[in-house]
């Protein structure tokens, strides 16, 4: 419906988007934003981006959702998180990562024809929703665009995302995205980037 508010949804991956879109499409005209400079290596980034496109093709209820892609800018993440590469998962490095991605979403939403912005990040059981919402609300004030607070892991949201991933045959990654979150046994084998360059 044309009278629905226009929402820019930062999306981290297809599995998370599958459930969040199910929640939001009845209420909003949704455009997905794939901005994830944290993801390494480039092949993994491309795989996740392609899988998001696959979701839009496979799930009929999301066929009218638009996808806004940005350039792969891993250097922006590396620069912001350089001194935090040894931080534990969920620590200061993750806060910087959330900030970077949500800032891009808020900036684009504030400058575009959107009424509100949001993110799929809170569907993950590994993400601190209070930090995500705090950052989103702060950026909302800076960019003059409403932020939709969320905790999509509630009411079995993560479980539903797993179910939908199976239904649509979606690739589910086993790490958040950055080099530091990659399971240790796979780091040297999976990623060719040198740790000194991160």
N, C-alpha and C. Protein backbone atom coordinates (compact mmCIF):
# COMPACT_ATOMS: atom_id res chain seq x y z
N UNK A 1 0.85 -1.19 0.00
CA UNK A 1 0.00 0.00 0.00
C UNK A 1 0.89 1.24 0.00
N UNK A 2 0.47 2.25 -0.77
CA UNK A 2 1.27 3.46 -0.89
C UNK A 2 1.28 4.29 0.38
N UNK A 3 0.31 4.10 1.26
CA UNK A 3 0.28 4.92 2.47
C UNK A 3 1.17 4.38 3.58
N UNK A 4 1.86 3.28 3.34
CA UNK A 4 2.80 2.75 4.33
C UNK A 4 4.03 3.63 4.39
N UNK A 5 4.60 3.74 5.58
CA UNK A 5 5.85 4.48 5.74
C UNK A 5 6.97 3.73 5.02
N UNK A 6 7.94 4.47 4.52
CA UNK A 6 9.09 3.89 3.84
C UNK A 6 10.22 3.66 4.82
N UNK A 7 10.65 2.42 4.91
CA UNK A 7 11.66 2.03 5.88
C UNK A 7 12.92 1.53 5.18
N UNK A 8 14.07 2.03 5.61
CA UNK A 8 15.36 1.53 5.13
C UNK A 8 15.89 0.57 6.17
N UNK A 9 16.02 -0.69 5.77
CA UNK A 9 16.41 -1.75 6.70
C UNK A 9 17.84 -2.19 6.43
N UNK A 10 18.74 -1.84 7.34
CA UNK A 10 20.10 -2.37 7.22
C UNK A 10 20.03 -3.88 7.43
N UNK A 11 20.64 -4.60 6.52
CA UNK A 11 20.57 -6.06 6.56
C UNK A 11 21.96 -6.66 6.61
N UNK A 12 22.19 -7.53 7.59
CA UNK A 12 23.51 -8.16 7.74
C UNK A 12 23.64 -9.41 6.89
N UNK A 13 22.53 -10.13 6.66
CA UNK A 13 22.59 -11.37 5.89
C UNK A 13 21.17 -11.83 5.56
N UNK A 14 21.06 -12.76 4.65
CA UNK A 14 19.75 -13.27 4.23
C UNK A 14 18.99 -14.00 5.34
N UNK A 15 19.65 -14.87 6.12
CA UNK A 15 18.90 -15.56 7.17
C UNK A 15 18.24 -14.61 8.17
N UNK A 16 18.98 -13.59 8.60
CA UNK A 16 18.39 -12.62 9.53
C UNK A 16 17.27 -11.82 8.85
N UNK A 17 17.49 -11.45 7.59
CA UNK A 17 16.48 -10.69 6.86
C UNK A 17 15.19 -11.47 6.67
N UNK A 18 15.30 -12.77 6.52
CA UNK A 18 14.12 -13.58 6.23
C UNK A 18 13.03 -13.38 7.29
N UNK A 19 13.42 -13.43 8.55
CA UNK A 19 12.44 -13.27 9.63
C UNK A 19 12.04 -11.82 9.82
N UNK A 20 13.01 -10.91 9.78
CA UNK A 20 12.71 -9.50 10.02
C UNK A 20 11.77 -8.96 8.94
N UNK A 21 11.98 -9.36 7.70
CA UNK A 21 11.07 -8.93 6.63
C UNK A 21 9.66 -9.46 6.88
N UNK A 22 9.56 -10.67 7.37
CA UNK A 22 8.25 -11.24 7.69
C UNK A 22 7.52 -10.35 8.69
N UNK A 23 8.27 -9.77 9.63
CA UNK A 23 7.69 -8.89 10.65
C UNK A 23 7.32 -7.51 10.09
N UNK A 24 8.16 -6.98 9.21
CA UNK A 24 8.04 -5.58 8.81
C UNK A 24 7.19 -5.32 7.57
N UNK A 25 7.16 -6.26 6.65
CA UNK A 25 6.45 -6.02 5.38
C UNK A 25 4.97 -5.67 5.56
N UNK A 26 4.27 -6.26 6.52
CA UNK A 26 2.86 -5.85 6.67
C UNK A 26 2.68 -4.38 7.05
N UNK A 27 3.72 -3.78 7.64
CA UNK A 27 3.58 -2.42 8.15
C UNK A 27 4.31 -1.35 7.33
N UNK A 28 5.32 -1.74 6.56
CA UNK A 28 6.18 -0.77 5.89
C UNK A 28 6.46 -1.14 4.44
N UNK A 29 6.78 -0.12 3.65
CA UNK A 29 7.42 -0.32 2.36
C UNK A 29 8.92 -0.40 2.65
N UNK A 30 9.50 -1.56 2.44
CA UNK A 30 10.86 -1.81 2.90
C UNK A 30 11.86 -1.79 1.75
N UNK A 31 12.97 -1.10 1.99
CA UNK A 31 14.14 -1.19 1.12
C UNK A 31 15.27 -1.75 1.97
N UNK A 32 15.92 -2.79 1.47
CA UNK A 32 17.05 -3.40 2.18
C UNK A 32 18.33 -2.67 1.83
N UNK A 33 19.16 -2.44 2.84
CA UNK A 33 20.48 -1.86 2.64
C UNK A 33 21.53 -2.90 3.01
N UNK A 34 22.36 -3.29 2.05
CA UNK A 34 23.45 -4.20 2.34
C UNK A 34 24.74 -3.40 2.44
N UNK A 35 25.06 -3.00 3.65
CA UNK A 35 26.30 -2.28 3.94
C UNK A 35 26.98 -2.99 5.10
N UNK A 36 28.00 -3.77 4.80
CA UNK A 36 28.67 -4.59 5.80
C UNK A 36 30.17 -4.66 5.53
N UNK A 37 30.87 -3.55 5.76
CA UNK A 37 32.31 -3.51 5.47
C UNK A 37 33.14 -4.38 6.40
N UNK A 38 32.52 -4.91 7.44
CA UNK A 38 33.20 -5.79 8.38
C UNK A 38 33.47 -7.18 7.82
N UNK A 39 32.72 -7.58 6.81
CA UNK A 39 32.79 -8.96 6.33
C UNK A 39 34.08 -9.22 5.56
N UNK A 40 34.78 -10.26 5.97
CA UNK A 40 36.01 -10.70 5.31
C UNK A 40 35.96 -12.21 5.14
N UNK A 41 36.55 -12.72 4.08
CA UNK A 41 37.18 -12.03 2.95
C UNK A 41 36.13 -11.52 1.98
N UNK A 42 36.57 -10.95 0.87
CA UNK A 42 35.65 -10.40 -0.14
C UNK A 42 34.73 -11.49 -0.68
N UNK A 43 35.24 -12.69 -0.83
CA UNK A 43 34.41 -13.79 -1.35
C UNK A 43 33.24 -14.07 -0.42
N UNK A 44 33.45 -13.94 0.88
CA UNK A 44 32.37 -14.15 1.85
C UNK A 44 31.35 -13.02 1.75
N UNK A 45 31.84 -11.81 1.60
CA UNK A 45 30.96 -10.65 1.43
C UNK A 45 30.05 -10.85 0.20
N UNK A 46 30.66 -11.24 -0.91
CA UNK A 46 29.89 -11.45 -2.14
C UNK A 46 28.88 -12.58 -1.98
N UNK A 47 29.28 -13.62 -1.26
CA UNK A 47 28.37 -14.75 -1.04
C UNK A 47 27.14 -14.32 -0.26
N UNK A 48 27.35 -13.53 0.79
CA UNK A 48 26.23 -13.07 1.61
C UNK A 48 25.34 -12.09 0.84
N UNK A 49 25.94 -11.24 0.05
CA UNK A 49 25.17 -10.30 -0.76
C UNK A 49 24.34 -11.06 -1.79
N UNK A 50 24.94 -12.03 -2.46
CA UNK A 50 24.21 -12.83 -3.45
C UNK A 50 23.08 -13.62 -2.81
N UNK A 51 23.30 -14.09 -1.59
CA UNK A 51 22.27 -14.87 -0.91
C UNK A 51 21.07 -13.99 -0.55
N UNK A 52 21.33 -12.74 -0.28
CA UNK A 52 20.24 -11.80 -0.01
C UNK A 52 19.39 -11.60 -1.27
N UNK A 53 20.05 -11.50 -2.41
CA UNK A 53 19.33 -11.42 -3.68
C UNK A 53 18.52 -12.68 -3.91
N UNK A 54 19.09 -13.83 -3.58
CA UNK A 54 18.37 -15.10 -3.72
C UNK A 54 17.11 -15.13 -2.87
N UNK A 55 17.20 -14.61 -1.65
CA UNK A 55 16.03 -14.56 -0.78
C UNK A 55 14.91 -13.76 -1.44
N UNK A 56 15.25 -12.63 -2.01
CA UNK A 56 14.24 -11.78 -2.65
C UNK A 56 13.61 -12.47 -3.86
N UNK A 57 14.35 -13.35 -4.49
CA UNK A 57 13.82 -14.10 -5.64
C UNK A 57 12.98 -15.30 -5.21
N UNK A 58 13.35 -15.93 -4.09
CA UNK A 58 12.70 -17.17 -3.66
C UNK A 58 11.44 -16.95 -2.85
N UNK A 59 11.40 -15.90 -2.05
CA UNK A 59 10.27 -15.68 -1.14
C UNK A 59 9.27 -14.72 -1.79
N UNK A 60 8.13 -15.22 -2.15
CA UNK A 60 7.16 -14.42 -2.91
C UNK A 60 6.68 -13.20 -2.13
N UNK A 61 6.59 -13.29 -0.80
CA UNK A 61 6.06 -12.17 -0.03
C UNK A 61 7.05 -11.00 0.04
N UNK A 62 8.30 -11.20 -0.41
CA UNK A 62 9.26 -10.11 -0.39
C UNK A 62 9.63 -9.66 -1.81
N UNK A 63 8.84 -10.07 -2.77
CA UNK A 63 9.18 -9.80 -4.17
C UNK A 63 9.22 -8.31 -4.51
N UNK A 64 8.52 -7.49 -3.76
CA UNK A 64 8.50 -6.05 -4.04
C UNK A 64 9.52 -5.28 -3.21
N UNK A 65 10.27 -5.97 -2.40
CA UNK A 65 11.30 -5.31 -1.59
C UNK A 65 12.47 -4.95 -2.49
N UNK A 66 12.96 -3.73 -2.34
CA UNK A 66 14.10 -3.26 -3.12
C UNK A 66 15.39 -3.53 -2.34
N UNK A 67 16.48 -3.67 -3.08
CA UNK A 67 17.79 -3.89 -2.47
C UNK A 67 18.72 -2.76 -2.87
N UNK A 68 19.25 -2.08 -1.87
CA UNK A 68 20.21 -1.00 -2.08
C UNK A 68 21.58 -1.52 -1.68
N UNK A 69 22.48 -1.60 -2.64
CA UNK A 69 23.83 -2.11 -2.38
C UNK A 69 24.82 -0.96 -2.37
N UNK A 70 25.81 -1.05 -1.51
CA UNK A 70 26.89 -0.08 -1.48
C UNK A 70 28.17 -0.78 -1.90
N UNK A 71 29.21 -0.01 -2.11
CA UNK A 71 30.51 -0.59 -2.45
C UNK A 71 31.10 -1.30 -1.24
N UNK A 72 31.86 -2.33 -1.50
CA UNK A 72 32.57 -3.05 -0.43
C UNK A 72 33.69 -2.14 0.07
N UNK A 73 33.64 -1.78 1.35
CA UNK A 73 34.59 -0.83 1.91
C UNK A 73 35.21 -1.40 3.19
N UNK A 74 35.89 -2.52 3.05
CA UNK A 74 36.50 -3.17 4.20
C UNK A 74 37.53 -2.27 4.88
N UNK A 75 38.13 -1.36 4.13
CA UNK A 75 39.13 -0.45 4.70
C UNK A 75 38.50 0.44 5.78
N UNK A 76 37.24 0.79 5.63
CA UNK A 76 36.56 1.62 6.63
C UNK A 76 36.44 0.87 7.95
N UNK A 77 36.10 -0.40 7.86
CA UNK A 77 36.00 -1.20 9.08
C UNK A 77 37.37 -1.41 9.71
N UNK A 78 38.34 -1.77 8.90
CA UNK A 78 39.68 -2.01 9.42
C UNK A 78 40.23 -0.79 10.13
N UNK A 79 40.03 0.36 9.52
CA UNK A 79 40.51 1.61 10.11
C UNK A 79 39.84 1.86 11.46
N UNK A 80 38.54 1.63 11.54
CA UNK A 80 37.80 1.89 12.78
C UNK A 80 38.12 0.87 13.87
N UNK A 81 38.42 -0.36 13.49
CA UNK A 81 38.56 -1.45 14.47
C UNK A 81 39.99 -1.94 14.65
N UNK A 82 40.95 -1.27 14.03
CA UNK A 82 42.33 -1.73 14.03
C UNK A 82 42.85 -2.06 15.43
N UNK A 83 42.64 -1.17 16.38
CA UNK A 83 43.19 -1.37 17.72
C UNK A 83 42.38 -2.34 18.56
N UNK A 84 41.26 -2.83 18.02
CA UNK A 84 40.34 -3.68 18.79
C UNK A 84 40.27 -5.11 18.27
N UNK A 85 41.20 -5.50 17.41
CA UNK A 85 41.10 -6.81 16.78
C UNK A 85 41.16 -7.97 17.76
N UNK A 86 41.75 -7.76 18.94
CA UNK A 86 41.86 -8.83 19.93
C UNK A 86 40.77 -8.77 21.00
N UNK A 87 39.85 -7.86 20.85
CA UNK A 87 38.73 -7.75 21.79
C UNK A 87 37.84 -9.00 21.68
N UNK A 88 37.25 -9.42 22.79
CA UNK A 88 36.34 -10.58 22.71
C UNK A 88 35.08 -10.23 21.93
N UNK A 89 34.47 -11.26 21.37
CA UNK A 89 33.21 -11.06 20.65
C UNK A 89 32.19 -10.44 21.59
N UNK A 90 31.49 -9.43 21.11
CA UNK A 90 30.51 -8.73 21.93
C UNK A 90 31.07 -7.53 22.65
N UNK A 91 32.35 -7.26 22.48
CA UNK A 91 33.01 -6.16 23.18
C UNK A 91 33.04 -4.87 22.36
N UNK A 92 34.10 -4.10 22.60
CA UNK A 92 34.21 -2.77 21.99
C UNK A 92 34.28 -2.81 20.48
N UNK A 93 34.89 -3.85 19.92
CA UNK A 93 34.98 -3.95 18.46
C UNK A 93 33.58 -4.06 17.84
N UNK A 94 32.71 -4.82 18.49
CA UNK A 94 31.35 -4.98 17.98
C UNK A 94 30.58 -3.66 18.05
N UNK A 95 30.79 -2.91 19.11
CA UNK A 95 30.13 -1.60 19.22
C UNK A 95 30.54 -0.70 18.06
N UNK A 96 31.83 -0.69 17.75
CA UNK A 96 32.34 0.11 16.63
C UNK A 96 31.70 -0.36 15.32
N UNK A 97 31.59 -1.66 15.17
CA UNK A 97 31.01 -2.24 13.96
C UNK A 97 29.54 -1.86 13.81
N UNK A 98 28.77 -1.96 14.89
CA UNK A 98 27.36 -1.57 14.86
C UNK A 98 27.24 -0.09 14.46
N UNK A 99 28.08 0.72 15.09
CA UNK A 99 28.06 2.17 14.84
C UNK A 99 28.32 2.47 13.36
N UNK A 100 29.32 1.84 12.81
CA UNK A 100 29.69 2.07 11.41
C UNK A 100 28.53 1.75 10.47
N UNK A 101 27.92 0.60 10.67
CA UNK A 101 26.85 0.16 9.78
C UNK A 101 25.56 0.95 9.98
N UNK A 102 25.22 1.22 11.23
CA UNK A 102 24.00 1.99 11.49
C UNK A 102 24.15 3.44 11.08
N UNK A 103 25.36 3.99 11.17
CA UNK A 103 25.59 5.37 10.72
C UNK A 103 25.32 5.49 9.21
N UNK A 104 25.79 4.52 8.46
CA UNK A 104 25.54 4.53 7.02
C UNK A 104 24.04 4.46 6.74
N UNK A 105 23.34 3.60 7.46
CA UNK A 105 21.89 3.48 7.27
C UNK A 105 21.17 4.77 7.64
N UNK A 106 21.54 5.36 8.76
CA UNK A 106 20.90 6.61 9.19
C UNK A 106 21.18 7.74 8.21
N UNK A 107 22.41 7.82 7.73
CA UNK A 107 22.79 8.86 6.78
C UNK A 107 22.01 8.74 5.48
N UNK A 108 21.95 7.53 4.93
CA UNK A 108 21.22 7.31 3.69
C UNK A 108 19.71 7.52 3.86
N UNK A 109 19.19 7.06 5.00
CA UNK A 109 17.75 7.22 5.25
C UNK A 109 17.40 8.70 5.42
N UNK A 110 18.25 9.41 6.16
CA UNK A 110 18.00 10.83 6.39
C UNK A 110 18.08 11.67 5.13
N UNK A 111 18.92 11.25 4.20
CA UNK A 111 19.12 12.00 2.95
C UNK A 111 18.17 11.55 1.85
N UNK A 112 17.50 10.43 2.05
CA UNK A 112 16.65 9.87 1.02
C UNK A 112 15.18 10.04 1.31
N UNK A 113 14.37 9.26 0.59
CA UNK A 113 12.92 9.36 0.73
C UNK A 113 12.41 8.30 1.70
N UNK A 114 12.97 8.30 2.90
CA UNK A 114 12.58 7.32 3.90
C UNK A 114 12.02 8.03 5.12
N UNK A 115 11.15 7.32 5.82
CA UNK A 115 10.54 7.86 7.03
C UNK A 115 11.20 7.31 8.29
N UNK A 116 11.90 6.19 8.15
CA UNK A 116 12.40 5.49 9.32
C UNK A 116 13.50 4.52 8.88
N UNK A 117 14.40 4.19 9.80
CA UNK A 117 15.41 3.17 9.48
C UNK A 117 15.48 2.16 10.61
N UNK A 118 16.03 0.99 10.28
CA UNK A 118 16.10 -0.11 11.24
C UNK A 118 17.24 -1.04 10.83
N UNK A 119 17.45 -2.09 11.62
CA UNK A 119 18.48 -3.08 11.30
C UNK A 119 18.00 -4.47 11.68
N UNK A 120 18.56 -5.46 11.00
CA UNK A 120 18.27 -6.86 11.31
C UNK A 120 19.17 -7.41 12.41
N UNK A 121 20.13 -6.64 12.86
CA UNK A 121 21.16 -7.15 13.78
C UNK A 121 20.60 -7.78 15.06
N UNK A 122 19.48 -7.28 15.54
CA UNK A 122 18.98 -7.75 16.84
C UNK A 122 18.36 -9.14 16.81
N UNK A 123 18.27 -9.77 15.64
CA UNK A 123 17.72 -11.13 15.60
C UNK A 123 18.75 -12.15 16.09
N UNK A 124 20.02 -11.78 16.06
CA UNK A 124 21.08 -12.70 16.48
C UNK A 124 21.15 -12.83 17.99
N UNK A 125 21.26 -14.04 18.51
CA UNK A 125 21.41 -14.23 19.95
C UNK A 125 22.77 -13.76 20.45
N UNK A 126 23.68 -13.45 19.54
CA UNK A 126 25.04 -13.02 19.91
C UNK A 126 25.19 -11.51 19.95
N UNK A 127 24.12 -10.77 19.63
CA UNK A 127 24.20 -9.32 19.58
C UNK A 127 23.44 -8.70 20.75
N UNK A 128 24.04 -7.67 21.36
CA UNK A 128 23.45 -6.98 22.49
C UNK A 128 22.46 -5.93 21.98
N UNK A 129 21.19 -6.22 22.15
CA UNK A 129 20.14 -5.35 21.61
C UNK A 129 20.15 -3.98 22.26
N UNK A 130 20.55 -3.88 23.51
CA UNK A 130 20.56 -2.57 24.17
C UNK A 130 21.59 -1.65 23.53
N UNK A 131 22.73 -2.20 23.12
CA UNK A 131 23.75 -1.40 22.45
C UNK A 131 23.26 -0.99 21.06
N UNK A 132 22.67 -1.93 20.33
CA UNK A 132 22.16 -1.64 18.99
C UNK A 132 21.12 -0.51 19.04
N UNK A 133 20.18 -0.61 19.97
CA UNK A 133 19.13 0.40 20.06
C UNK A 133 19.66 1.74 20.55
N UNK A 134 20.63 1.71 21.45
CA UNK A 134 21.23 2.97 21.93
C UNK A 134 21.90 3.70 20.78
N UNK A 135 22.66 2.98 19.97
CA UNK A 135 23.35 3.59 18.83
C UNK A 135 22.34 4.10 17.81
N UNK A 136 21.34 3.28 17.50
CA UNK A 136 20.32 3.69 16.54
C UNK A 136 19.59 4.95 16.96
N UNK A 137 19.22 5.04 18.21
CA UNK A 137 18.51 6.22 18.70
C UNK A 137 19.40 7.46 18.70
N UNK A 138 20.66 7.31 19.02
CA UNK A 138 21.59 8.44 18.99
C UNK A 138 21.77 8.95 17.56
N UNK A 139 21.94 8.03 16.63
CA UNK A 139 22.11 8.43 15.23
C UNK A 139 20.83 9.02 14.65
N UNK A 140 19.71 8.58 15.16
CA UNK A 140 18.42 9.13 14.76
C UNK A 140 18.39 10.64 15.00
N UNK A 141 18.89 11.05 16.16
CA UNK A 141 18.93 12.48 16.48
C UNK A 141 19.91 13.24 15.61
N UNK A 142 21.02 12.62 15.29
CA UNK A 142 22.05 13.27 14.47
C UNK A 142 21.58 13.48 13.04
N UNK A 143 20.93 12.47 12.47
CA UNK A 143 20.55 12.52 11.06
C UNK A 143 19.10 12.90 10.82
N UNK A 144 18.35 13.12 11.89
CA UNK A 144 16.97 13.57 11.75
C UNK A 144 16.05 12.56 11.10
N UNK A 145 16.24 11.30 11.43
CA UNK A 145 15.42 10.22 10.87
C UNK A 145 15.05 9.26 11.99
N UNK A 146 13.81 8.86 12.05
CA UNK A 146 13.35 7.97 13.12
C UNK A 146 14.02 6.60 13.05
N UNK A 147 14.35 6.06 14.21
CA UNK A 147 14.92 4.71 14.30
C UNK A 147 13.89 3.77 14.91
N UNK A 148 13.71 2.61 14.30
CA UNK A 148 12.78 1.62 14.81
C UNK A 148 13.51 0.69 15.77
N UNK A 149 13.29 0.87 17.05
CA UNK A 149 13.90 -0.03 18.04
C UNK A 149 13.38 -1.44 17.84
N UNK A 150 14.22 -2.42 18.14
CA UNK A 150 13.80 -3.80 17.93
C UNK A 150 14.56 -4.75 18.83
N UNK A 151 13.96 -5.91 19.00
CA UNK A 151 14.63 -7.06 19.60
C UNK A 151 14.01 -8.27 18.92
N UNK A 152 14.48 -8.55 17.72
CA UNK A 152 13.86 -9.59 16.90
C UNK A 152 14.16 -11.01 17.38
N UNK A 153 15.08 -11.14 18.34
CA UNK A 153 15.32 -12.47 18.88
C UNK A 153 14.21 -12.91 19.83
N UNK A 154 13.42 -11.96 20.30
CA UNK A 154 12.30 -12.29 21.18
C UNK A 154 11.24 -13.09 20.42
N UNK A 155 10.44 -13.79 21.15
CA UNK A 155 9.35 -14.59 20.55
C UNK A 155 9.89 -15.58 19.53
N UNK A 156 11.05 -16.17 19.86
CA UNK A 156 11.67 -17.20 19.00
C UNK A 156 12.02 -16.68 17.61
N UNK A 157 12.40 -15.41 17.51
CA UNK A 157 12.76 -14.83 16.23
C UNK A 157 13.94 -15.51 15.57
N UNK A 158 14.96 -15.83 16.37
CA UNK A 158 16.12 -16.51 15.79
C UNK A 158 15.73 -17.90 15.28
N UNK A 159 14.94 -18.59 16.07
CA UNK A 159 14.47 -19.92 15.67
C UNK A 159 13.68 -19.84 14.36
N UNK A 160 12.85 -18.82 14.24
CA UNK A 160 12.07 -18.64 13.01
C UNK A 160 13.00 -18.35 11.83
N UNK A 161 14.05 -17.59 12.06
CA UNK A 161 15.00 -17.30 10.97
C UNK A 161 15.68 -18.58 10.48
N UNK A 162 15.93 -19.50 11.41
CA UNK A 162 16.52 -20.79 11.03
C UNK A 162 15.53 -21.59 10.20
N UNK A 163 14.26 -21.59 10.62
CA UNK A 163 13.22 -22.31 9.86
C UNK A 163 13.08 -21.75 8.45
N UNK A 164 13.06 -20.43 8.34
CA UNK A 164 12.91 -19.81 7.03
C UNK A 164 14.14 -20.05 6.15
N UNK A 165 15.30 -20.07 6.76
CA UNK A 165 16.53 -20.36 6.01
C UNK A 165 16.46 -21.75 5.40
N UNK A 166 15.94 -22.70 6.16
CA UNK A 166 15.79 -24.06 5.63
C UNK A 166 14.76 -24.10 4.51
N UNK A 167 13.66 -23.38 4.69
CA UNK A 167 12.61 -23.36 3.68
C UNK A 167 13.12 -22.83 2.35
N UNK A 168 13.92 -21.78 2.41
CA UNK A 168 14.40 -21.14 1.18
C UNK A 168 15.79 -21.61 0.76
N UNK A 169 16.36 -22.55 1.51
CA UNK A 169 17.67 -23.07 1.16
C UNK A 169 18.77 -22.03 1.25
N UNK A 170 18.72 -21.21 2.29
CA UNK A 170 19.68 -20.12 2.43
C UNK A 170 20.98 -20.57 3.09
N UNK A 171 22.06 -20.02 2.62
CA UNK A 171 23.37 -20.23 3.24
C UNK A 171 23.40 -19.53 4.60
N UNK A 172 23.77 -20.30 5.64
CA UNK A 172 23.91 -19.72 6.98
C UNK A 172 25.39 -19.76 7.36
N UNK A 173 25.97 -18.60 7.51
CA UNK A 173 27.38 -18.48 7.85
C UNK A 173 27.62 -18.89 9.30
N UNK A 174 28.88 -19.25 9.62
CA UNK A 174 29.20 -19.69 10.98
C UNK A 174 30.04 -18.67 11.74
N UNK A 175 30.12 -17.44 11.23
CA UNK A 175 30.78 -16.37 11.97
C UNK A 175 30.15 -15.04 11.57
N UNK A 176 30.31 -14.06 12.44
CA UNK A 176 29.65 -12.78 12.25
C UNK A 176 30.07 -12.11 10.96
N UNK A 177 31.38 -12.07 10.71
CA UNK A 177 31.82 -11.44 9.48
C UNK A 177 33.27 -10.99 9.50
N UNK A 178 33.72 -10.39 10.60
CA UNK A 178 35.08 -9.87 10.62
C UNK A 178 36.09 -10.98 10.90
N UNK A 179 37.34 -10.69 10.61
CA UNK A 179 38.42 -11.67 10.80
C UNK A 179 38.45 -12.18 12.24
N UNK A 180 38.26 -11.27 13.19
CA UNK A 180 38.36 -11.64 14.61
C UNK A 180 37.27 -12.61 15.04
N UNK A 181 36.12 -12.59 14.34
CA UNK A 181 35.01 -13.47 14.72
C UNK A 181 35.07 -14.82 14.02
N UNK A 182 35.98 -14.97 13.08
CA UNK A 182 36.12 -16.24 12.37
C UNK A 182 36.61 -17.32 13.32
N UNK A 183 36.00 -18.50 13.33
CA UNK A 183 36.46 -19.58 14.22
C UNK A 183 37.95 -19.84 14.02
N UNK A 184 38.68 -19.90 15.12
CA UNK A 184 40.15 -19.96 15.10
C UNK A 184 40.75 -20.99 14.15
N UNK A 185 40.27 -22.22 14.11
CA UNK A 185 40.90 -23.22 13.23
C UNK A 185 40.85 -22.85 11.75
N UNK A 186 39.96 -21.92 11.39
CA UNK A 186 39.76 -21.61 9.98
C UNK A 186 40.46 -20.32 9.53
N UNK A 187 40.98 -19.55 10.45
CA UNK A 187 41.49 -18.24 10.09
C UNK A 187 42.56 -18.28 9.01
N UNK A 188 43.61 -19.04 9.22
CA UNK A 188 44.70 -19.07 8.25
C UNK A 188 44.26 -19.70 6.93
N UNK A 189 43.38 -20.68 6.99
CA UNK A 189 42.95 -21.40 5.80
C UNK A 189 41.90 -20.63 4.99
N UNK A 190 40.99 -19.95 5.69
CA UNK A 190 39.85 -19.32 5.03
C UNK A 190 40.13 -17.91 4.52
N UNK A 191 41.03 -17.19 5.19
CA UNK A 191 41.22 -15.79 4.86
C UNK A 191 42.67 -15.54 4.50
N UNK A 192 42.89 -14.95 3.36
CA UNK A 192 44.25 -14.73 2.90
C UNK A 192 44.83 -13.43 3.43
N UNK A 193 43.99 -12.54 3.97
CA UNK A 193 44.47 -11.27 4.49
C UNK A 193 45.40 -11.50 5.69
N UNK A 194 46.45 -10.73 5.78
CA UNK A 194 47.38 -10.84 6.90
C UNK A 194 46.82 -10.14 8.11
N UNK A 195 47.03 -10.71 9.28
CA UNK A 195 46.53 -10.11 10.52
C UNK A 195 47.13 -8.73 10.72
N UNK A 196 48.36 -8.50 10.25
CA UNK A 196 49.00 -7.21 10.42
C UNK A 196 48.27 -6.12 9.65
N UNK A 197 47.52 -6.50 8.63
CA UNK A 197 46.83 -5.53 7.80
C UNK A 197 45.46 -5.17 8.33
N UNK A 198 45.01 -5.89 9.35
CA UNK A 198 43.66 -5.65 9.86
C UNK A 198 43.64 -4.47 10.82
